[in-house]
Amino acid sequence: MVGGTFDPLHDGHRQLLTRSFELAGPEGFVVIGLTSDTFPSTKTHPIHPFSERREALEAFIRASGYQTRWGIEPLNDRYGSATEADFDAIVVSEETLPVAVEINAVRREKKKRKVDIHQITCVLAEDGRWISSTRIWRGEIDVHGRLIR
């Protein structure tokens, strides 16, 4: 499992998704939680509609040529189906690691099996700071982390 808002879809998101598909392997299945339009957000920038973000995700996955099966489900809250579903691993960034730890705590309370947490390193922009959707929306960097001058 992997989740996020993915808006705009940037190189950090691409790395997160790529790692998810690598871990699942050709016989696995990747569940991608995509925040719904009604998910309460602390984002300080506008968010494109769910349908547009879903289309961008699907286009990236198809263009990548992954052999692994996959599905996208709406995230209506912080955890989505991750506290109930039967799956092996969750892939997160340094920024979202605390959510994965919380998911395992909730799973433990519900007598569910703990899932492996795989953390990727956030992708850095040209200036050595994390690529983030907020920085892109502010016009500081593009989706590849190149500085906009």
Protein backbone atom coordinates (compact mmCIF):
# COMPACT_ATOMS: atom_id res chain seq x y z
CA MET A 1 0.00 0.00 0.00
CA VAL A 2 0.99 3.55 -0.66
CA GLY A 3 -1.04 6.72 -0.33
CA GLY A 4 -1.09 10.43 -0.87
CA THR A 5 -2.62 13.42 -2.60
CA PHE A 6 -0.17 13.25 -5.53
CA ASP A 7 -0.83 16.82 -6.66
CA PRO A 8 1.07 17.68 -8.66
CA LEU A 9 2.67 14.32 -9.37
CA HIS A 10 6.40 15.03 -8.91
CA ASP A 11 9.67 13.07 -8.88
CA GLY A 12 9.31 12.28 -5.16
CA HIS A 13 5.91 10.71 -5.83
CA ARG A 14 7.35 8.83 -8.79
CA GLN A 15 10.07 7.36 -6.58
CA LEU A 16 7.50 6.38 -3.94
CA LEU A 17 5.32 4.64 -6.52
CA THR A 18 8.27 2.98 -8.25
CA ARG A 19 9.47 1.52 -4.95
CA SER A 20 5.97 0.23 -4.24
CA PHE A 21 5.87 -1.62 -7.56
CA GLU A 22 9.41 -2.97 -7.03
CA LEU A 23 8.48 -4.37 -3.62
CA ALA A 24 5.26 -5.95 -4.89
CA GLY A 25 7.02 -7.61 -7.80
CA PRO A 26 5.29 -8.99 -10.88
CA GLU A 27 3.13 -11.38 -8.82
CA GLY A 28 2.03 -8.75 -6.29
CA PHE A 29 -0.64 -6.10 -6.14
CA VAL A 30 -0.18 -2.40 -5.31
CA VAL A 31 -3.02 -0.52 -3.63
CA ILE A 32 -2.70 3.23 -4.09
CA GLY A 33 -4.75 5.34 -1.71
CA LEU A 34 -5.57 8.69 -3.29
CA THR A 35 -7.00 11.38 -1.04
CA SER A 36 -10.62 12.09 -1.92
CA ASP A 37 -12.02 15.53 -2.61
CA THR A 38 -13.70 15.48 0.81
CA PHE A 39 -10.61 14.40 2.79
CA PRO A 40 -9.88 17.19 5.27
CA SER A 41 -6.55 18.64 4.30
CA THR A 42 -3.93 20.82 5.90
CA LYS A 43 -2.58 21.71 2.46
CA THR A 44 -1.85 25.40 2.01
CA HIS A 45 -2.35 25.22 -1.75
CA PRO A 46 -5.23 24.26 -4.05
CA ILE A 47 -5.80 20.59 -4.89
CA HIS A 48 -6.98 19.36 -8.29
CA PRO A 49 -10.15 17.23 -8.31
CA PHE A 50 -9.82 13.53 -7.50
CA SER A 51 -10.63 12.53 -11.09
CA GLU A 52 -7.76 14.63 -12.51
CA ARG A 53 -5.27 13.35 -9.95
CA ARG A 54 -6.40 9.78 -10.63
CA GLU A 55 -5.90 10.28 -14.38
CA ALA A 56 -2.36 11.59 -13.80
CA LEU A 57 -1.53 8.59 -11.59
CA GLU A 58 -2.94 6.12 -14.10
CA ALA A 59 -1.01 7.77 -16.94
CA PHE A 60 2.26 7.55 -14.98
CA ILE A 61 1.71 3.90 -14.07
CA ARG A 62 0.82 2.88 -17.63
CA ALA A 63 3.79 4.80 -19.07
CA SER A 64 6.11 3.09 -16.57
CA GLY A 65 5.23 -0.34 -17.93
CA TYR A 66 4.93 -2.07 -14.56
CA GLN A 67 3.89 -5.71 -14.81
CA THR A 68 2.40 -5.67 -11.30
CA ARG A 69 -1.36 -5.46 -10.89
CA TRP A 70 -2.62 -2.33 -9.14
CA GLY A 71 -5.68 -0.43 -8.02
CA ILE A 72 -6.51 3.06 -6.81
CA GLU A 73 -8.90 3.59 -3.91
CA PRO A 74 -10.12 6.88 -2.44
CA LEU A 75 -8.70 7.88 0.93
CA ASN A 76 -11.49 9.49 2.94
CA ASP A 77 -9.45 9.63 6.14
CA ARG A 78 -5.88 9.36 7.37
CA TYR A 79 -5.65 5.55 7.10
CA GLY A 80 -8.05 4.40 4.40
CA SER A 81 -8.33 0.62 4.34
CA ALA A 82 -4.83 0.13 5.80
CA THR A 83 -6.08 -0.66 9.31
CA GLU A 84 -8.35 -3.48 8.09
CA ALA A 85 -6.98 -4.83 4.80
CA ASP A 86 -4.79 -7.88 4.42
CA PHE A 87 -1.53 -6.68 2.89
CA ASP A 88 2.21 -7.06 3.50
CA ALA A 89 3.86 -3.66 3.33
CA ILE A 90 3.29 0.06 3.30
CA VAL A 91 5.66 2.41 1.48
CA VAL A 92 6.15 5.90 2.87
CA SER A 93 8.48 8.87 2.67
CA GLU A 94 10.40 10.38 5.57
CA GLU A 95 7.56 12.87 5.85
CA THR A 96 4.79 10.27 6.14
CA LEU A 97 6.57 7.65 8.26
CA PRO A 98 4.58 8.62 11.41
CA VAL A 99 1.32 7.70 9.65
CA ALA A 100 2.62 4.18 8.93
CA VAL A 101 3.62 3.77 12.57
CA GLU A 102 0.10 4.87 13.60
CA ILE A 103 -1.42 2.38 11.15
CA ASN A 104 0.50 -0.48 12.75
CA ALA A 105 -0.58 0.70 16.22
CA VAL A 106 -4.25 0.68 15.15
CA ARG A 107 -3.77 -2.73 13.51
CA ARG A 108 -2.29 -4.06 16.77
CA GLU A 109 -5.33 -2.78 18.72
CA LYS A 110 -7.59 -4.54 16.21
CA LYS A 111 -5.56 -7.78 16.52
CA LYS A 112 -4.43 -7.45 12.90
CA ARG A 113 -1.02 -8.53 11.65
CA LYS A 114 1.68 -5.85 11.64
CA VAL A 115 2.76 -4.75 8.16
CA ASP A 116 6.31 -4.00 7.06
CA ILE A 117 7.13 -0.32 6.69
CA HIS A 118 9.41 0.64 3.82
CA GLN A 119 10.63 4.22 3.96
CA ILE A 120 12.11 5.93 0.93
CA THR A 121 14.36 8.95 1.14
CA CYS A 122 12.68 12.13 -0.06
CA VAL A 123 13.93 13.34 -3.43
CA LEU A 124 15.91 16.55 -3.27
CA ALA A 125 15.52 19.55 -5.53
CA GLU A 126 18.48 21.41 -7.05
CA ASP A 127 18.77 23.51 -3.90
CA GLY A 128 19.16 20.42 -1.65
CA ARG A 129 15.69 20.77 -0.08
CA TRP A 130 12.89 18.23 -0.48
CA ILE A 131 10.74 18.33 -3.59
CA SER A 132 7.22 19.00 -2.36
CA SER A 133 3.89 19.87 -3.87
CA THR A 134 3.78 23.03 -1.75
CA ARG A 135 7.10 24.25 -3.20
CA ILE A 136 5.86 23.50 -6.71
CA TRP A 137 2.59 25.37 -6.13
CA ARG A 138 4.55 28.33 -4.74
CA GLY A 139 6.53 28.45 -8.00
CA GLU A 140 9.91 27.72 -6.33
CA ILE A 141 10.61 24.51 -8.27
CA ASP A 142 9.15 22.38 -11.04
CA VAL A 143 7.99 18.74 -10.70
CA HIS A 144 11.58 17.57 -11.24
CA GLY A 145 13.04 19.82 -8.54
CA ARG A 146 14.59 22.34 -10.89
CA LEU A 147 14.63 25.86 -9.52
CA ILE A 148 12.32 28.30 -11.25
CA ARG A 149 14.03 31.61 -11.71
